[in-house]
Amino acid sequence: MPSKKSHRVSVRRNLQNAPLRTKAKNLIASARTAIESDELDSAQEFVQSAVSALDRAAKKGAIHKSNASRRKSRIMTQMAAAKKDK
């Protein structure tokens, strides 16, 4: 069972990290929606914003750097496939 101090620390870190994770998740969802609806100009902006948000979250430790890298790879692959189909 965690000590009181470690619980306080985990609560504080969760409060700091949650907005970073949420922003990255929302931008990825927006990018995927734009890609699926063939709005490639806006999708490109969302992808760039999502990549930036993922890098920021990984830098601050909100998500693991490999997790950020995997998500960036997937979203950029989807974007490239959508451009290729057009």
N, C-alpha and C. Protein backbone atom coordinates (compact mmCIF):
# COMPACT_ATOMS: atom_id res chain seq x y z
N MET A 1 0.85 -1.18 0.00
CA MET A 1 0.00 0.00 0.00
C MET A 1 0.89 1.24 0.00
N PRO A 2 0.62 2.19 -0.88
CA PRO A 2 1.50 3.36 -0.97
C PRO A 2 1.41 4.25 0.26
N SER A 3 2.50 4.90 0.51
CA SER A 3 2.52 5.83 1.64
C SER A 3 1.71 7.08 1.30
N LYS A 4 1.45 7.87 2.30
CA LYS A 4 0.69 9.10 2.08
C LYS A 4 1.43 10.03 1.13
N LYS A 5 2.75 10.12 1.31
CA LYS A 5 3.53 11.03 0.46
C LYS A 5 3.51 10.57 -1.00
N SER A 6 3.70 9.28 -1.25
CA SER A 6 3.71 8.81 -2.63
C SER A 6 2.34 8.99 -3.27
N HIS A 7 1.30 8.88 -2.47
CA HIS A 7 -0.05 9.13 -2.99
C HIS A 7 -0.20 10.60 -3.38
N ARG A 8 0.27 11.51 -2.52
CA ARG A 8 0.21 12.95 -2.84
C ARG A 8 0.98 13.25 -4.13
N VAL A 9 2.15 12.64 -4.26
CA VAL A 9 2.98 12.87 -5.44
C VAL A 9 2.26 12.36 -6.69
N SER A 10 1.68 11.17 -6.60
CA SER A 10 1.01 10.62 -7.79
C SER A 10 -0.21 11.45 -8.18
N VAL A 11 -0.93 11.97 -7.20
CA VAL A 11 -2.07 12.84 -7.49
C VAL A 11 -1.60 14.12 -8.17
N ARG A 12 -0.53 14.70 -7.66
CA ARG A 12 0.00 15.95 -8.24
C ARG A 12 0.50 15.71 -9.66
N ARG A 13 1.22 14.62 -9.88
CA ARG A 13 1.72 14.33 -11.23
C ARG A 13 0.57 14.06 -12.19
N ASN A 14 -0.46 13.39 -11.72
CA ASN A 14 -1.62 13.12 -12.58
C ASN A 14 -2.28 14.43 -13.00
N LEU A 15 -2.39 15.36 -12.07
CA LEU A 15 -3.00 16.66 -12.40
C LEU A 15 -2.16 17.42 -13.42
N GLN A 16 -0.84 17.27 -13.34
CA GLN A 16 0.04 17.96 -14.29
C GLN A 16 0.05 17.28 -15.66
N ASN A 17 -0.01 15.96 -15.67
CA ASN A 17 0.14 15.21 -16.92
C ASN A 17 -1.16 15.02 -17.69
N ALA A 18 -2.29 15.00 -17.00
CA ALA A 18 -3.56 14.72 -17.67
C ALA A 18 -3.87 15.69 -18.82
N PRO A 19 -3.68 17.01 -18.64
CA PRO A 19 -3.99 17.91 -19.78
C PRO A 19 -3.09 17.67 -20.99
N LEU A 20 -1.85 17.28 -20.77
CA LEU A 20 -0.95 17.01 -21.89
C LEU A 20 -1.42 15.77 -22.66
N ARG A 21 -1.80 14.73 -21.93
CA ARG A 21 -2.29 13.52 -22.59
C ARG A 21 -3.61 13.78 -23.31
N THR A 22 -4.49 14.54 -22.67
CA THR A 22 -5.80 14.83 -23.25
C THR A 22 -5.66 15.64 -24.53
N LYS A 23 -4.81 16.65 -24.52
CA LYS A 23 -4.62 17.49 -25.70
C LYS A 23 -4.10 16.66 -26.86
N ALA A 24 -3.12 15.81 -26.59
CA ALA A 24 -2.56 14.96 -27.64
C ALA A 24 -3.63 14.02 -28.21
N LYS A 25 -4.41 13.42 -27.31
CA LYS A 25 -5.46 12.50 -27.74
C LYS A 25 -6.50 13.20 -28.60
N ASN A 26 -6.91 14.40 -28.18
CA ASN A 26 -7.93 15.14 -28.93
C ASN A 26 -7.42 15.56 -30.30
N LEU A 27 -6.16 15.98 -30.39
CA LEU A 27 -5.61 16.38 -31.68
C LEU A 27 -5.47 15.19 -32.62
N ILE A 28 -5.11 14.03 -32.08
CA ILE A 28 -5.02 12.83 -32.91
C ILE A 28 -6.40 12.46 -33.43
N ALA A 29 -7.40 12.54 -32.58
CA ALA A 29 -8.77 12.22 -33.00
C ALA A 29 -9.24 13.20 -34.08
N SER A 30 -8.92 14.49 -33.92
CA SER A 30 -9.30 15.49 -34.92
C SER A 30 -8.60 15.22 -36.24
N ALA A 31 -7.33 14.85 -36.18
CA ALA A 31 -6.58 14.56 -37.40
C ALA A 31 -7.18 13.35 -38.11
N ARG A 32 -7.50 12.31 -37.37
CA ARG A 32 -8.08 11.11 -37.98
C ARG A 32 -9.43 11.40 -38.60
N THR A 33 -10.22 12.22 -37.94
CA THR A 33 -11.53 12.59 -38.48
C THR A 33 -11.37 13.37 -39.78
N ALA A 34 -10.42 14.29 -39.79
CA ALA A 34 -10.18 15.09 -41.00
C ALA A 34 -9.64 14.22 -42.12
N ILE A 35 -8.79 13.26 -41.80
CA ILE A 35 -8.25 12.36 -42.83
C ILE A 35 -9.37 11.51 -43.43
N GLU A 36 -10.23 11.00 -42.57
CA GLU A 36 -11.32 10.14 -43.04
C GLU A 36 -12.33 10.91 -43.89
N SER A 37 -12.49 12.21 -43.62
CA SER A 37 -13.44 13.01 -44.39
C SER A 37 -12.76 13.71 -45.58
N ASP A 38 -11.53 13.32 -45.89
CA ASP A 38 -10.78 13.84 -47.05
C ASP A 38 -10.56 15.35 -47.02
N GLU A 39 -10.44 15.92 -45.84
CA GLU A 39 -10.07 17.34 -45.70
C GLU A 39 -8.57 17.39 -45.42
N LEU A 40 -7.78 17.17 -46.47
CA LEU A 40 -6.35 16.96 -46.28
C LEU A 40 -5.60 18.21 -45.82
N ASP A 41 -6.07 19.39 -46.20
CA ASP A 41 -5.40 20.61 -45.75
C ASP A 41 -5.51 20.78 -44.24
N SER A 42 -6.72 20.66 -43.74
CA SER A 42 -6.90 20.79 -42.29
C SER A 42 -6.31 19.59 -41.57
N ALA A 43 -6.35 18.42 -42.20
CA ALA A 43 -5.76 17.23 -41.59
C ALA A 43 -4.27 17.40 -41.40
N GLN A 44 -3.62 18.02 -42.38
CA GLN A 44 -2.16 18.24 -42.27
C GLN A 44 -1.85 19.13 -41.06
N GLU A 45 -2.65 20.16 -40.84
CA GLU A 45 -2.44 21.04 -39.69
C GLU A 45 -2.67 20.29 -38.39
N PHE A 46 -3.72 19.46 -38.34
CA PHE A 46 -4.00 18.67 -37.14
C PHE A 46 -2.89 17.67 -36.86
N VAL A 47 -2.36 17.06 -37.92
CA VAL A 47 -1.26 16.09 -37.75
C VAL A 47 -0.04 16.79 -37.17
N GLN A 48 0.29 17.96 -37.70
CA GLN A 48 1.45 18.70 -37.18
C GLN A 48 1.23 19.09 -35.73
N SER A 49 0.03 19.53 -35.40
CA SER A 49 -0.28 19.89 -34.01
C SER A 49 -0.22 18.67 -33.10
N ALA A 50 -0.72 17.54 -33.59
CA ALA A 50 -0.71 16.31 -32.80
C ALA A 50 0.72 15.84 -32.54
N VAL A 51 1.55 15.91 -33.56
CA VAL A 51 2.96 15.51 -33.40
C VAL A 51 3.64 16.40 -32.37
N SER A 52 3.37 17.69 -32.45
CA SER A 52 3.94 18.63 -31.49
C SER A 52 3.46 18.33 -30.08
N ALA A 53 2.18 18.07 -29.93
CA ALA A 53 1.62 17.77 -28.61
C ALA A 53 2.18 16.46 -28.05
N LEU A 54 2.36 15.47 -28.91
CA LEU A 54 2.94 14.20 -28.46
C LEU A 54 4.39 14.38 -28.02
N ASP A 55 5.14 15.17 -28.79
CA ASP A 55 6.53 15.44 -28.41
C ASP A 55 6.60 16.16 -27.06
N ARG A 56 5.71 17.11 -26.88
CA ARG A 56 5.68 17.87 -25.63
C ARG A 56 5.33 16.97 -24.45
N ALA A 57 4.34 16.10 -24.64
CA ALA A 57 3.92 15.19 -23.58
C ALA A 57 5.04 14.21 -23.24
N ALA A 58 5.75 13.73 -24.25
CA ALA A 58 6.85 12.80 -24.01
C ALA A 58 8.02 13.50 -23.32
N LYS A 59 8.28 14.72 -23.71
CA LYS A 59 9.38 15.47 -23.11
C LYS A 59 9.13 15.71 -21.62
N LYS A 60 7.89 15.97 -21.28
CA LYS A 60 7.55 16.24 -19.88
C LYS A 60 7.23 14.99 -19.09
N GLY A 61 7.26 13.83 -19.74
CA GLY A 61 7.07 12.57 -19.03
C GLY A 61 5.63 12.15 -18.85
N ALA A 62 4.71 12.82 -19.51
CA ALA A 62 3.30 12.45 -19.39
C ALA A 62 3.02 11.12 -20.09
N ILE A 63 3.74 10.86 -21.18
CA ILE A 63 3.67 9.57 -21.85
C ILE A 63 5.11 9.13 -22.15
N HIS A 64 5.28 7.86 -22.40
CA HIS A 64 6.61 7.34 -22.70
C HIS A 64 7.02 7.76 -24.10
N LYS A 65 8.32 7.95 -24.30
CA LYS A 65 8.77 8.43 -25.61
C LYS A 65 8.48 7.42 -26.72
N SER A 66 8.49 6.14 -26.41
CA SER A 66 8.17 5.13 -27.43
C SER A 66 6.68 5.18 -27.78
N ASN A 67 5.86 5.46 -26.80
CA ASN A 67 4.42 5.61 -27.02
C ASN A 67 4.17 6.79 -27.96
N ALA A 68 4.84 7.90 -27.70
CA ALA A 68 4.69 9.08 -28.56
C ALA A 68 5.16 8.78 -29.97
N SER A 69 6.29 8.11 -30.08
CA SER A 69 6.84 7.78 -31.38
C SER A 69 5.90 6.88 -32.17
N ARG A 70 5.33 5.88 -31.51
CA ARG A 70 4.40 4.97 -32.16
C ARG A 70 3.16 5.70 -32.66
N ARG A 71 2.62 6.55 -31.82
CA ARG A 71 1.42 7.31 -32.22
C ARG A 71 1.71 8.25 -33.38
N LYS A 72 2.87 8.92 -33.34
CA LYS A 72 3.25 9.82 -34.43
C LYS A 72 3.39 9.04 -35.73
N SER A 73 4.02 7.88 -35.66
CA SER A 73 4.21 7.06 -36.84
C SER A 73 2.88 6.65 -37.44
N ARG A 74 1.95 6.23 -36.60
CA ARG A 74 0.65 5.78 -37.09
C ARG A 74 -0.13 6.91 -37.75
N ILE A 75 -0.14 8.08 -37.12
CA ILE A 75 -0.93 9.18 -37.68
C ILE A 75 -0.30 9.70 -38.98
N MET A 76 1.03 9.72 -39.04
CA MET A 76 1.69 10.18 -40.26
C MET A 76 1.54 9.15 -41.39
N THR A 77 1.51 7.87 -41.05
CA THR A 77 1.28 6.83 -42.05
C THR A 77 -0.13 6.96 -42.63
N GLN A 78 -1.10 7.22 -41.77
CA GLN A 78 -2.48 7.42 -42.24
C GLN A 78 -2.57 8.64 -43.15
N MET A 79 -1.86 9.70 -42.79
CA MET A 79 -1.87 10.92 -43.60
C MET A 79 -1.24 10.65 -44.97
N ALA A 80 -0.12 9.94 -44.98
CA ALA A 80 0.55 9.63 -46.23
C ALA A 80 -0.33 8.75 -47.12
N ALA A 81 -1.02 7.80 -46.53
CA ALA A 81 -1.90 6.92 -47.32
C ALA A 81 -3.05 7.71 -47.91
N ALA A 82 -3.58 8.67 -47.13
CA ALA A 82 -4.68 9.48 -47.63
C ALA A 82 -4.23 10.36 -48.79
N LYS A 83 -3.01 10.91 -48.68
CA LYS A 83 -2.49 11.73 -49.78
C LYS A 83 -2.23 10.89 -51.02
N LYS A 84 -1.77 9.67 -50.81
CA LYS A 84 -1.47 8.78 -51.94
C LYS A 84 -2.75 8.39 -52.67
N ASP A 85 -3.83 8.20 -51.95
CA ASP A 85 -5.10 7.81 -52.56
C ASP A 85 -5.73 8.95 -53.34
N LYS A 86 -5.41 10.18 -52.98
CA LYS A 86 -6.02 11.33 -53.65
C LYS A 86 -5.49 11.50 -55.04
